[in-house]
Amino acid sequence: MTIGIFIIFIVAMHFVMDYPLQGEYIAMNKGKDSYLLFVHSWLWAAGQALPVWLFGTDALIVTLLFAVNAILHQTVDKRKCDAKINIWQDQLIHFVQISMSVTAAIMCQRLSSVA
């Protein structure tokens, strides 16, 4: 997979997992129900982990990125639900998360090709 396709794939997964696959029920209730927030956050993180894994990143790195992204997504969405941040701040933070995943995957690929 080329870097360009990888970036398009991971960004597309963000939009799919954060909007249509979240569904209206979860979107409206995740601020009141910590289980729904947990499920949404971990599914979003899985949507980020899939392209990273398909890019050829080591399983340990994929697992670490999955866990970090899930925890960050849950924290950010909780703050958005509590009106402590707005939708633009929420999306900016998610794109920082995506950038972190992309950077880690590219670094791992480059390091593995050197070894």
PDB file of N, CA and C in Angstrom:
ATOM      1  N   MET A   1       0.861  -1.173   0.000  1.00  0.00           N
ATOM      2  CA  MET A   1       0.000   0.000   0.000  1.00  0.00           C
ATOM      3  C   MET A   1       0.907   1.235   0.000  1.00  0.00           C
ATOM      4  N   THR A   2       0.621   2.173  -0.876  1.00  0.00           N
ATOM      5  CA  THR A   2       1.417   3.403  -0.919  1.00  0.00           C
ATOM      6  C   THR A   2       1.035   4.309   0.258  1.00  0.00           C
ATOM      7  N   ILE A   3       1.894   5.244   0.570  1.00  0.00           N
ATOM      8  CA  ILE A   3       1.618   6.178   1.669  1.00  0.00           C
ATOM      9  C   ILE A   3       0.363   6.997   1.362  1.00  0.00           C
ATOM     10  N   GLY A   4       0.207   7.427   0.110  1.00  0.00           N
ATOM     11  CA  GLY A   4      -0.974   8.213  -0.261  1.00  0.00           C
ATOM     12  C   GLY A   4      -2.275   7.452  -0.049  1.00  0.00           C
ATOM     13  N   ILE A   5      -2.315   6.196  -0.497  1.00  0.00           N
ATOM     14  CA  ILE A   5      -3.516   5.365  -0.304  1.00  0.00           C
ATOM     15  C   ILE A   5      -3.756   5.130   1.188  1.00  0.00           C
ATOM     16  N   PHE A   6      -2.684   4.896   1.923  1.00  0.00           N
ATOM     17  CA  PHE A   6      -2.795   4.680   3.370  1.00  0.00           C
ATOM     18  C   PHE A   6      -3.433   5.893   4.047  1.00  0.00           C
ATOM     19  N   ILE A   7      -2.973   7.085   3.711  1.00  0.00           N
ATOM     20  CA  ILE A   7      -3.512   8.301   4.329  1.00  0.00           C
ATOM     21  C   ILE A   7      -4.984   8.491   3.964  1.00  0.00           C
ATOM     22  N   ILE A   8      -5.322   8.281   2.705  1.00  0.00           N
ATOM     23  CA  ILE A   8      -6.734   8.383   2.290  1.00  0.00           C
ATOM     24  C   ILE A   8      -7.580   7.363   3.045  1.00  0.00           C
ATOM     25  N   PHE A   9      -7.082   6.139   3.171  1.00  0.00           N
ATOM     26  CA  PHE A   9      -7.803   5.063   3.852  1.00  0.00           C
ATOM     27  C   PHE A   9      -8.041   5.404   5.324  1.00  0.00           C
ATOM     28  N   ILE A  10      -7.007   5.866   6.026  1.00  0.00           N
ATOM     29  CA  ILE A  10      -7.156   6.128   7.459  1.00  0.00           C
ATOM     30  C   ILE A  10      -8.076   7.331   7.714  1.00  0.00           C
ATOM     31  N   VAL A  11      -8.010   8.350   6.852  1.00  0.00           N
ATOM     32  CA  VAL A  11      -8.911   9.504   6.994  1.00  0.00           C
ATOM     33  C   VAL A  11     -10.348   9.092   6.682  1.00  0.00           C
ATOM     34  N   ALA A  12     -10.521   8.277   5.642  1.00  0.00           N
ATOM     35  CA  ALA A  12     -11.866   7.786   5.299  1.00  0.00           C
ATOM     36  C   ALA A  12     -12.445   6.969   6.446  1.00  0.00           C
ATOM     37  N   MET A  13     -11.612   6.140   7.072  1.00  0.00           N
ATOM     38  CA  MET A  13     -12.091   5.345   8.210  1.00  0.00           C
ATOM     39  C   MET A  13     -12.525   6.247   9.363  1.00  0.00           C
ATOM     40  N   HIS A  14     -11.823   7.352   9.555  1.00  0.00           N
ATOM     41  CA  HIS A  14     -12.237   8.302  10.599  1.00  0.00           C
ATOM     42  C   HIS A  14     -13.662   8.787  10.334  1.00  0.00           C
ATOM     43  N   PHE A  15     -13.901   9.259   9.106  1.00  0.00           N
ATOM     44  CA  PHE A  15     -15.224   9.803   8.803  1.00  0.00           C
ATOM     45  C   PHE A  15     -16.312   8.732   8.846  1.00  0.00           C
ATOM     46  N   VAL A  16     -16.005   7.529   8.401  1.00  0.00           N
ATOM     47  CA  VAL A  16     -16.995   6.440   8.431  1.00  0.00           C
ATOM     48  C   VAL A  16     -17.302   6.040   9.877  1.00  0.00           C
ATOM     49  N   MET A  17     -16.258   5.876  10.676  1.00  0.00           N
ATOM     50  CA  MET A  17     -16.465   5.416  12.058  1.00  0.00           C
ATOM     51  C   MET A  17     -17.043   6.512  12.964  1.00  0.00           C
ATOM     52  N   ASP A  18     -16.726   7.771  12.677  1.00  0.00           N
ATOM     53  CA  ASP A  18     -17.181   8.850  13.553  1.00  0.00           C
ATOM     54  C   ASP A  18     -18.571   9.367  13.175  1.00  0.00           C
ATOM     55  N   TYR A  19     -19.058   9.032  12.009  1.00  0.00           N
ATOM     56  CA  TYR A  19     -20.367   9.532  11.594  1.00  0.00           C
ATOM     57  C   TYR A  19     -21.345   8.415  11.252  1.00  0.00           C
ATOM     58  N   PRO A  20     -21.365   7.838  10.036  1.00  0.00           N
ATOM     59  CA  PRO A  20     -22.422   6.882   9.719  1.00  0.00           C
ATOM     60  C   PRO A  20     -22.435   5.623  10.592  1.00  0.00           C
ATOM     61  N   LEU A  21     -21.272   5.074  10.931  1.00  0.00           N
ATOM     62  CA  LEU A  21     -21.273   3.846  11.740  1.00  0.00           C
ATOM     63  C   LEU A  21     -21.507   4.114  13.220  1.00  0.00           C
ATOM     64  N   GLN A  22     -21.414   5.367  13.627  1.00  0.00           N
ATOM     65  CA  GLN A  22     -21.744   5.700  15.004  1.00  0.00           C
ATOM     66  C   GLN A  22     -23.254   5.629  15.204  1.00  0.00           C
ATOM     67  N   GLY A  23     -23.983   6.092  14.227  1.00  0.00           N
ATOM     68  CA  GLY A  23     -25.438   6.066  14.315  1.00  0.00           C
ATOM     69  C   GLY A  23     -25.990   7.176  15.184  1.00  0.00           C
ATOM     70  N   GLU A  24     -27.234   7.495  14.940  1.00  0.00           N
ATOM     71  CA  GLU A  24     -27.886   8.591  15.660  1.00  0.00           C
ATOM     72  C   GLU A  24     -28.075   8.271  17.141  1.00  0.00           C
ATOM     73  N   TYR A  25     -28.428   7.017  17.451  1.00  0.00           N
ATOM     74  CA  TYR A  25     -28.678   6.655  18.847  1.00  0.00           C
ATOM     75  C   TYR A  25     -27.423   6.851  19.702  1.00  0.00           C
ATOM     76  N   ILE A  26     -26.308   6.323  19.224  1.00  0.00           N
ATOM     77  CA  ILE A  26     -25.063   6.467  19.988  1.00  0.00           C
ATOM     78  C   ILE A  26     -24.656   7.941  20.052  1.00  0.00           C
ATOM     79  N   ALA A  27     -24.761   8.644  18.923  1.00  0.00           N
ATOM     80  CA  ALA A  27     -24.386  10.060  18.898  1.00  0.00           C
ATOM     81  C   ALA A  27     -25.191  10.870  19.914  1.00  0.00           C
ATOM     82  N   MET A  28     -26.471  10.572  20.049  1.00  0.00           N
ATOM     83  CA  MET A  28     -27.331  11.335  20.950  1.00  0.00           C
ATOM     84  C   MET A  28     -27.196  10.913  22.420  1.00  0.00           C
ATOM     85  N   ASN A  29     -26.712   9.696  22.665  1.00  0.00           N
ATOM     86  CA  ASN A  29     -26.723   9.171  24.033  1.00  0.00           C
ATOM     87  C   ASN A  29     -25.360   8.868  24.640  1.00  0.00           C
ATOM     88  N   LYS A  30     -24.288   8.966  23.861  1.00  0.00           N
ATOM     89  CA  LYS A  30     -22.969   8.604  24.399  1.00  0.00           C
ATOM     90  C   LYS A  30     -22.521   9.541  25.523  1.00  0.00           C
ATOM     91  N   GLY A  31     -23.054  10.751  25.557  1.00  0.00           N
ATOM     92  CA  GLY A  31     -22.718  11.672  26.640  1.00  0.00           C
ATOM     93  C   GLY A  31     -23.379  11.307  27.956  1.00  0.00           C
ATOM     94  N   LYS A  32     -24.460  10.508  27.885  1.00  0.00           N
ATOM     95  CA  LYS A  32     -25.197  10.113  29.087  1.00  0.00           C
ATOM     96  C   LYS A  32     -24.898   8.676  29.508  1.00  0.00           C
ATOM     97  N   ASP A  33     -24.373   7.892  28.579  1.00  0.00           N
ATOM     98  CA  ASP A  33     -24.147   6.464  28.821  1.00  0.00           C
ATOM     99  C   ASP A  33     -22.685   6.135  28.546  1.00  0.00           C
ATOM    100  N   SER A  34     -21.932   5.876  29.623  1.00  0.00           N
ATOM    101  CA  SER A  34     -20.495   5.639  29.461  1.00  0.00           C
ATOM    102  C   SER A  34     -20.207   4.379  28.650  1.00  0.00           C
ATOM    103  N   TYR A  35     -21.103   3.407  28.679  1.00  0.00           N
ATOM    104  CA  TYR A  35     -20.899   2.196  27.872  1.00  0.00           C
ATOM    105  C   TYR A  35     -20.974   2.527  26.382  1.00  0.00           C
ATOM    106  N   LEU A  36     -21.936   3.337  25.974  1.00  0.00           N
ATOM    107  CA  LEU A  36     -22.042   3.736  24.563  1.00  0.00           C
ATOM    108  C   LEU A  36     -20.817   4.536  24.134  1.00  0.00           C
ATOM    109  N   LEU A  37     -20.336   5.403  25.003  1.00  0.00           N
ATOM    110  CA  LEU A  37     -19.129   6.171  24.696  1.00  0.00           C
ATOM    111  C   LEU A  37     -17.933   5.244  24.548  1.00  0.00           C
ATOM    112  N   PHE A  38     -17.824   4.256  25.425  1.00  0.00           N
ATOM    113  CA  PHE A  38     -16.751   3.267  25.358  1.00  0.00           C
ATOM    114  C   PHE A  38     -16.814   2.496  24.035  1.00  0.00           C
ATOM    115  N   VAL A  39     -17.988   1.995  23.690  1.00  0.00           N
ATOM    116  CA  VAL A  39     -18.147   1.209  22.455  1.00  0.00           C
ATOM    117  C   VAL A  39     -17.794   2.056  21.243  1.00  0.00           C
ATOM    118  N   HIS A  40     -18.331   3.261  21.168  1.00  0.00           N
ATOM    119  CA  HIS A  40     -18.030   4.140  20.026  1.00  0.00           C
ATOM    120  C   HIS A  40     -16.535   4.406  19.934  1.00  0.00           C
ATOM    121  N   SER A  41     -15.900   4.720  21.043  1.00  0.00           N
ATOM    122  CA  SER A  41     -14.477   5.070  21.038  1.00  0.00           C
ATOM    123  C   SER A  41     -13.605   3.900  20.619  1.00  0.00           C
ATOM    124  N   TRP A  42     -13.916   2.717  21.107  1.00  0.00           N
ATOM    125  CA  TRP A  42     -13.101   1.552  20.771  1.00  0.00           C
ATOM    126  C   TRP A  42     -13.361   1.097  19.337  1.00  0.00           C
ATOM    127  N   LEU A  43     -14.576   1.274  18.844  1.00  0.00           N
ATOM    128  CA  LEU A  43     -14.828   0.974  17.420  1.00  0.00           C
ATOM    129  C   LEU A  43     -14.096   1.969  16.521  1.00  0.00           C
ATOM    130  N   TRP A  44     -14.100   3.246  16.907  1.00  0.00           N
ATOM    131  CA  TRP A  44     -13.357   4.243  16.131  1.00  0.00           C
ATOM    132  C   TRP A  44     -11.877   3.885  16.101  1.00  0.00           C
ATOM    133  N   ALA A  45     -11.335   3.503  17.251  1.00  0.00           N
ATOM    134  CA  ALA A  45      -9.924   3.130  17.320  1.00  0.00           C
ATOM    135  C   ALA A  45      -9.630   1.900  16.466  1.00  0.00           C
ATOM    136  N   ALA A  46     -10.559   0.961  16.416  1.00  0.00           N
ATOM    137  CA  ALA A  46     -10.389  -0.217  15.545  1.00  0.00           C
ATOM    138  C   ALA A  46     -10.365   0.213  14.078  1.00  0.00           C
ATOM    139  N   GLY A  47     -11.198   1.196  13.744  1.00  0.00           N
ATOM    140  CA  GLY A  47     -11.200   1.735  12.385  1.00  0.00           C
ATOM    141  C   GLY A  47      -9.901   2.431  12.024  1.00  0.00           C
ATOM    142  N   GLN A  48      -9.196   2.937  13.016  1.00  0.00           N
ATOM    143  CA  GLN A  48      -7.883   3.533  12.794  1.00  0.00           C
ATOM    144  C   GLN A  48      -6.795   2.464  12.765  1.00  0.00           C
ATOM    145  N   ALA A  49      -6.955   1.430  13.556  1.00  0.00           N
ATOM    146  CA  ALA A  49      -5.946   0.370  13.628  1.00  0.00           C
ATOM    147  C   ALA A  49      -5.907  -0.466  12.346  1.00  0.00           C
ATOM    148  N   LEU A  50      -7.056  -0.661  11.713  1.00  0.00           N
ATOM    149  CA  LEU A  50      -7.092  -1.501  10.505  1.00  0.00           C
ATOM    150  C   LEU A  50      -6.156  -1.007   9.402  1.00  0.00           C
ATOM    151  N   PRO A  51      -6.239   0.259   8.979  1.00  0.00           N
ATOM    152  CA  PRO A  51      -5.298   0.701   7.937  1.00  0.00           C
ATOM    153  C   PRO A  51      -3.840   0.659   8.389  1.00  0.00           C
ATOM    154  N   VAL A  52      -3.595   0.928   9.669  1.00  0.00           N
ATOM    155  CA  VAL A  52      -2.226   0.886  10.186  1.00  0.00           C
ATOM    156  C   VAL A  52      -1.686  -0.540  10.075  1.00  0.00           C
ATOM    157  N   TRP A  53      -2.503  -1.512  10.431  1.00  0.00           N
ATOM    158  CA  TRP A  53      -2.107  -2.916  10.341  1.00  0.00           C
ATOM    159  C   TRP A  53      -1.912  -3.338   8.882  1.00  0.00           C
ATOM    160  N   LEU A  54      -2.848  -2.945   8.010  1.00  0.00           N
ATOM    161  CA  LEU A  54      -2.735  -3.297   6.588  1.00  0.00           C
ATOM    162  C   LEU A  54      -1.528  -2.637   5.916  1.00  0.00           C
ATOM    163  N   PHE A  55      -1.073  -1.541   6.492  1.00  0.00           N
ATOM    164  CA  PHE A  55       0.113  -0.858   5.982  1.00  0.00           C
ATOM    165  C   PHE A  55       1.380  -1.652   6.299  1.00  0.00           C
ATOM    166  N   GLY A  56       1.245  -2.650   7.162  1.00  0.00           N
ATOM    167  CA  GLY A  56       2.381  -3.508   7.476  1.00  0.00           C
ATOM    168  C   GLY A  56       3.072  -3.179   8.781  1.00  0.00           C
ATOM    169  N   THR A  57       2.406  -2.424   9.634  1.00  0.00           N
ATOM    170  CA  THR A  57       2.996  -2.035  10.911  1.00  0.00           C
ATOM    171  C   THR A  57       3.006  -3.231  11.868  1.00  0.00           C
ATOM    172  N   ASP A  58       4.049  -3.309  12.675  1.00  0.00           N
ATOM    173  CA  ASP A  58       4.203  -4.364  13.660  1.00  0.00           C
ATOM    174  C   ASP A  58       2.970  -4.441  14.573  1.00  0.00           C
ATOM    175  N   ALA A  59       2.573  -5.659  14.916  1.00  0.00           N
ATOM    176  CA  ALA A  59       1.359  -5.875  15.711  1.00  0.00           C
ATOM    177  C   ALA A  59       1.411  -5.179  17.071  1.00  0.00           C
ATOM    178  N   LEU A  60       2.565  -5.131  17.698  1.00  0.00           N
ATOM    179  CA  LEU A  60       2.678  -4.458  18.990  1.00  0.00           C
ATOM    180  C   LEU A  60       2.402  -2.962  18.845  1.00  0.00           C
ATOM    181  N   ILE A  61       2.935  -2.351  17.812  1.00  0.00           N
ATOM    182  CA  ILE A  61       2.699  -0.918  17.562  1.00  0.00           C
ATOM    183  C   ILE A  61       1.224  -0.676  17.255  1.00  0.00           C
ATOM    184  N   VAL A  62       0.631  -1.549  16.444  1.00  0.00           N
ATOM    185  CA  VAL A  62      -0.805  -1.418  16.129  1.00  0.00           C
ATOM    186  C   VAL A  62      -1.626  -1.495  17.411  1.00  0.00           C
ATOM    187  N   THR A  63      -1.285  -2.428  18.279  1.00  0.00           N
ATOM    188  CA  THR A  63      -2.017  -2.593  19.549  1.00  0.00           C
ATOM    189  C   THR A  63      -1.872  -1.359  20.437  1.00  0.00           C
ATOM    190  N   LEU A  64      -0.663  -0.838  20.539  1.00  0.00           N
ATOM    191  CA  LEU A  64      -0.434   0.367  21.345  1.00  0.00           C
ATOM    192  C   LEU A  64      -1.190   1.561  20.773  1.00  0.00           C
ATOM    193  N   LEU A  65      -1.137   1.742  19.454  1.00  0.00           N
ATOM    194  CA  LEU A  65      -1.875   2.849  18.829  1.00  0.00           C
ATOM    195  C   LEU A  65      -3.376   2.685  19.038  1.00  0.00           C
ATOM    196  N   PHE A  66      -3.859   1.456  18.931  1.00  0.00           N
ATOM    197  CA  PHE A  66      -5.279   1.186  19.155  1.00  0.00           C
ATOM    198  C   PHE A  66      -5.689   1.640  20.560  1.00  0.00           C
ATOM    199  N   ALA A  67      -4.927   1.217  21.562  1.00  0.00           N
ATOM    200  CA  ALA A  67      -5.271   1.556  22.950  1.00  0.00           C
ATOM    201  C   ALA A  67      -5.198   3.061  23.197  1.00  0.00           C
ATOM    202  N   VAL A  68      -4.131   3.692  22.744  1.00  0.00           N
ATOM    203  CA  VAL A  68      -3.980   5.145  22.933  1.00  0.00           C
ATOM    204  C   VAL A  68      -5.098   5.889  22.219  1.00  0.00           C
ATOM    205  N   ASN A  69      -5.388   5.511  20.970  1.00  0.00           N
ATOM    206  CA  ASN A  69      -6.456   6.185  20.221  1.00  0.00           C
ATOM    207  C   ASN A  69      -7.819   5.983  20.865  1.00  0.00           C
ATOM    208  N   ALA A  70      -8.085   4.800  21.390  1.00  0.00           N
ATOM    209  CA  ALA A  70      -9.378   4.549  22.031  1.00  0.00           C
ATOM    210  C   ALA A  70      -9.551   5.421  23.266  1.00  0.00           C
ATOM    211  N   ILE A  71      -8.516   5.477  24.089  1.00  0.00           N
ATOM    212  CA  ILE A  71      -8.586   6.282  25.320  1.00  0.00           C
ATOM    213  C   ILE A  71      -8.705   7.766  24.987  1.00  0.00           C
ATOM    214  N   LEU A  72      -7.898   8.233  24.037  1.00  0.00           N
ATOM    215  CA  LEU A  72      -7.986   9.649  23.640  1.00  0.00           C
ATOM    216  C   LEU A  72      -9.342   9.983  23.033  1.00  0.00           C
ATOM    217  N   HIS A  73      -9.846   9.102  22.180  1.00  0.00           N
ATOM    218  CA  HIS A  73     -11.139   9.372  21.544  1.00  0.00           C
ATOM    219  C   HIS A  73     -12.249   9.442  22.594  1.00  0.00           C
ATOM    220  N   GLN A  74     -12.201   8.538  23.553  1.00  0.00           N
ATOM    221  CA  GLN A  74     -13.210   8.545  24.610  1.00  0.00           C
ATOM    222  C   GLN A  74     -13.127   9.833  25.421  1.00  0.00           C
ATOM    223  N   THR A  75     -11.922  10.261  25.745  1.00  0.00           N
ATOM    224  CA  THR A  75     -11.728  11.486  26.523  1.00  0.00           C
ATOM    225  C   THR A  75     -12.205  12.711  25.748  1.00  0.00           C
ATOM    226  N   VAL A  76     -11.839  12.788  24.478  1.00  0.00           N
ATOM    227  CA  VAL A  76     -12.214  13.937  23.644  1.00  0.00           C
ATOM    228  C   VAL A  76     -13.729  13.986  23.448  1.00  0.00           C
ATOM    229  N   ASP A  77     -14.334  12.844  23.127  1.00  0.00           N
ATOM    230  CA  ASP A  77     -15.784  12.840  22.911  1.00  0.00           C
ATOM    231  C   ASP A  77     -16.550  13.157  24.190  1.00  0.00           C
ATOM    232  N   LYS A  78     -16.044  12.729  25.329  1.00  0.00           N
ATOM    233  CA  LYS A  78     -16.700  13.069  26.601  1.00  0.00           C
ATOM    234  C   LYS A  78     -16.662  14.580  26.821  1.00  0.00           C
ATOM    235  N   ARG A  79     -15.516  15.182  26.535  1.00  0.00           N
ATOM    236  CA  ARG A  79     -15.405  16.642  26.678  1.00  0.00           C
ATOM    237  C   ARG A  79     -16.345  17.359  25.704  1.00  0.00           C
ATOM    238  N   LYS A  80     -16.488  16.812  24.488  1.00  0.00           N
ATOM    239  CA  LYS A  80     -17.414  17.419  23.521  1.00  0.00           C
ATOM    240  C   LYS A  80     -18.855  17.285  24.019  1.00  0.00           C
ATOM    241  N   CYS A  81     -19.206  16.118  24.519  1.00  0.00           N
ATOM    242  CA  CYS A  81     -20.567  15.906  25.034  1.00  0.00           C
ATOM    243  C   CYS A  81     -20.867  16.810  26.227  1.00  0.00           C
ATOM    244  N   ASP A  82     -19.839  17.102  27.013  1.00  0.00           N
ATOM    245  CA  ASP A  82     -20.009  17.981  28.183  1.00  0.00           C
ATOM    246  C   ASP A  82     -19.878  19.465  27.813  1.00  0.00           C
ATOM    247  N   ALA A  83     -19.793  19.769  26.522  1.00  0.00           N
ATOM    248  CA  ALA A  83     -19.691  21.133  25.990  1.00  0.00           C
ATOM    249  C   ALA A  83     -18.441  21.867  26.475  1.00  0.00           C
ATOM    250  N   LYS A  84     -17.376  21.116  26.738  1.00  0.00           N
ATOM    251  CA  LYS A  84     -16.105  21.739  27.123  1.00  0.00           C
ATOM    252  C   LYS A  84     -15.252  22.048  25.897  1.00  0.00           C
ATOM    253  N   ILE A  85     -15.534  21.363  24.793  1.00  0.00           N
ATOM    254  CA  ILE A  85     -14.909  21.675  23.502  1.00  0.00           C
ATOM    255  C   ILE A  85     -16.003  21.633  22.444  1.00  0.00           C
ATOM    256  N   ASN A  86     -15.753  22.279  21.312  1.00  0.00           N
ATOM    257  CA  ASN A  86     -16.751  22.266  20.243  1.00  0.00           C
ATOM    258  C   ASN A  86     -16.383  21.228  19.177  1.00  0.00           C
ATOM    259  N   ILE A  87     -17.220  21.093  18.176  1.00  0.00           N
ATOM    260  CA  ILE A  87     -17.030  20.082  17.127  1.00  0.00           C
ATOM    261  C   ILE A  87     -15.723  20.300  16.370  1.00  0.00           C
ATOM    262  N   TRP A  88     -15.328  21.549  16.174  1.00  0.00           N
ATOM    263  CA  TRP A  88     -14.090  21.839  15.429  1.00  0.00           C
ATOM    264  C   TRP A  88     -12.856  21.441  16.240  1.00  0.00           C
ATOM    265  N   GLN A  89     -12.902  21.698  17.526  1.00  0.00           N
ATOM    266  CA  GLN A  89     -11.803  21.273  18.393  1.00  0.00           C
ATOM    267  C   GLN A  89     -11.740  19.740  18.462  1.00  0.00           C
ATOM    268  N   ASP A  90     -12.911  19.118  18.539  1.00  0.00           N
ATOM    269  CA  ASP A  90     -13.021  17.660  18.540  1.00  0.00           C
ATOM    270  C   ASP A  90     -12.364  17.076  17.285  1.00  0.00           C
ATOM    271  N   GLN A  91     -12.713  17.612  16.139  1.00  0.00           N
ATOM    272  CA  GLN A  91     -12.162  17.096  14.881  1.00  0.00           C
ATOM    273  C   GLN A  91     -10.669  17.392  14.754  1.00  0.00           C
ATOM    274  N   LEU A  92     -10.236  18.548  15.217  1.00  0.00           N
ATOM    275  CA  LEU A  92      -8.809  18.872  15.182  1.00  0.00           C
ATOM    276  C   LEU A  92      -8.008  17.860  16.011  1.00  0.00           C
ATOM    277  N   ILE A  93      -8.504  17.538  17.188  1.00  0.00           N
ATOM    278  CA  ILE A  93      -7.815  16.561  18.033  1.00  0.00           C
ATOM    279  C   ILE A  93      -7.804  15.190  17.367  1.00  0.00           C
ATOM    280  N   HIS A  94      -8.918  14.802  16.742  1.00  0.00           N
ATOM    281  CA  HIS A  94      -8.949  13.511  16.045  1.00  0.00           C
ATOM    282  C   HIS A  94      -7.936  13.486  14.899  1.00  0.00           C
ATOM    283  N   PHE A  95      -7.772  14.602  14.207  1.00  0.00           N
ATOM    284  CA  PHE A  95      -6.792  14.631  13.125  1.00  0.00           C
ATOM    285  C   PHE A  95      -5.358  14.620  13.659  1.00  0.00           C
ATOM    286  N   VAL A  96      -5.155  15.126  14.852  1.00  0.00           N
ATOM    287  CA  VAL A  96      -3.839  14.977  15.492  1.00  0.00           C
ATOM    288  C   VAL A  96      -3.609  13.493  15.803  1.00  0.00           C
ATOM    289  N   GLN A  97      -4.640  12.809  16.281  1.00  0.00           N
ATOM    290  CA  GLN A  97      -4.539  11.371  16.525  1.00  0.00           C
ATOM    291  C   GLN A  97      -4.205  10.616  15.241  1.00  0.00           C
ATOM    292  N   ILE A  98      -4.898  10.964  14.172  1.00  0.00           N
ATOM    293  CA  ILE A  98      -4.648  10.310  12.885  1.00  0.00           C
ATOM    294  C   ILE A  98      -3.209  10.571  12.444  1.00  0.00           C
ATOM    295  N   SER A  99      -2.754  11.800  12.600  1.00  0.00           N
ATOM    296  CA  SER A  99      -1.369  12.142  12.240  1.00  0.00           C
ATOM    297  C   SER A  99      -0.374  11.324  13.043  1.00  0.00           C
ATOM    298  N   MET A 100      -0.669  11.110  14.318  1.00  0.00           N
ATOM    299  CA  MET A 100       0.183  10.293  15.174  1.00  0.00           C
ATOM    300  C   MET A 100       0.253   8.861  14.642  1.00  0.00           C
ATOM    301  N   SER A 101      -0.881   8.312  14.258  1.00  0.00           N
ATOM    302  CA  SER A 101      -0.925   6.942  13.740  1.00  0.00           C
ATOM    303  C   SER A 101      -0.180   6.830  12.414  1.00  0.00           C
ATOM    304  N   VAL A 102      -0.384   7.806  11.538  1.00  0.00           N
ATOM    305  CA  VAL A 102       0.295   7.804  10.240  1.00  0.00           C
ATOM    306  C   VAL A 102       1.801   7.902  10.442  1.00  0.00           C
ATOM    307  N   THR A 103       2.231   8.804  11.290  1.00  0.00           N
ATOM    308  CA  THR A 103       3.663   8.979  11.549  1.00  0.00           C
ATOM    309  C   THR A 103       4.280   7.699  12.110  1.00  0.00           C
ATOM    310  N   ALA A 104       3.610   7.085  13.077  1.00  0.00           N
ATOM    311  CA  ALA A 104       4.133   5.844  13.669  1.00  0.00           C
ATOM    312  C   ALA A 104       4.230   4.732  12.627  1.00  0.00           C
ATOM    313  N   ALA A 105       3.207   4.606  11.789  1.00  0.00           N
ATOM    314  CA  ALA A 105       3.210   3.553  10.770  1.00  0.00           C
ATOM    315  C   ALA A 105       4.331   3.764   9.754  1.00  0.00           C
ATOM    316  N   ILE A 106       4.509   4.999   9.317  1.00  0.00           N
ATOM    317  CA  ILE A 106       5.564   5.293   8.337  1.00  0.00           C
ATOM    318  C   ILE A 106       6.941   5.075   8.965  1.00  0.00           C
ATOM    319  N   MET A 107       7.117   5.515  10.200  1.00  0.00           N
ATOM    320  CA  MET A 107       8.400   5.308  10.872  1.00  0.00           C
ATOM    321  C   MET A 107       8.710   3.820  11.020  1.00  0.00           C
ATOM    322  N   CYS A 108       7.712   3.036  11.392  1.00  0.00           N
ATOM    323  CA  CYS A 108       7.916   1.588  11.540  1.00  0.00           C
ATOM    324  C   CYS A 108       8.288   0.954  10.202  1.00  0.00           C
ATOM    325  N   GLN A 109       7.611   1.377   9.144  1.00  0.00           N
ATOM    326  CA  GLN A 109       7.916   0.825   7.818  1.00  0.00           C
ATOM    327  C   GLN A 109       9.350   1.173   7.401  1.00  0.00           C
ATOM    328  N   ARG A 110       9.724   2.402   7.628  1.00  0.00           N
ATOM    329  CA  ARG A 110      11.080   2.831   7.257  1.00  0.00           C
ATOM    330  C   ARG A 110      12.145   2.127   8.101  1.00  0.00           C
ATOM    331  N   LEU A 111      11.892   1.985   9.392  1.00  0.00           N
ATOM    332  CA  LEU A 111      12.846   1.325  10.275  1.00  0.00           C
ATOM    333  C   LEU A 111      12.984  -0.153   9.922  1.00  0.00           C
ATOM    334  N   SER A 112      11.875  -0.795   9.568  1.00  0.00           N
ATOM    335  CA  SER A 112      11.939  -2.225   9.244  1.00  0.00           C
ATOM    336  C   SER A 112      12.662  -2.459   7.922  1.00  0.00           C
ATOM    337  N   SER A 113      12.613  -1.477   7.007  1.00  0.00           N
ATOM    338  CA  SER A 113      13.306  -1.639   5.730  1.00  0.00           C
ATOM    339  C   SER A 113      14.811  -1.413   5.883  1.00  0.00           C
ATOM    340  N   VAL A 114      15.225  -0.703   6.944  1.00  0.00           N
ATOM    341  CA  VAL A 114      16.640  -0.462   7.213  1.00  0.00           C
ATOM    342  C   VAL A 114      17.273  -1.692   7.869  1.00  0.00           C
ATOM    343  N   ALA A 115      16.494  -2.352   8.707  1.00  0.00           N
ATOM    344  CA  ALA A 115      17.032  -3.490   9.482  1.00  0.00           C
ATOM    345  C   ALA A 115      17.282  -4.724   8.660  1.00  0.00           C
TER     346      ALA A 115
END
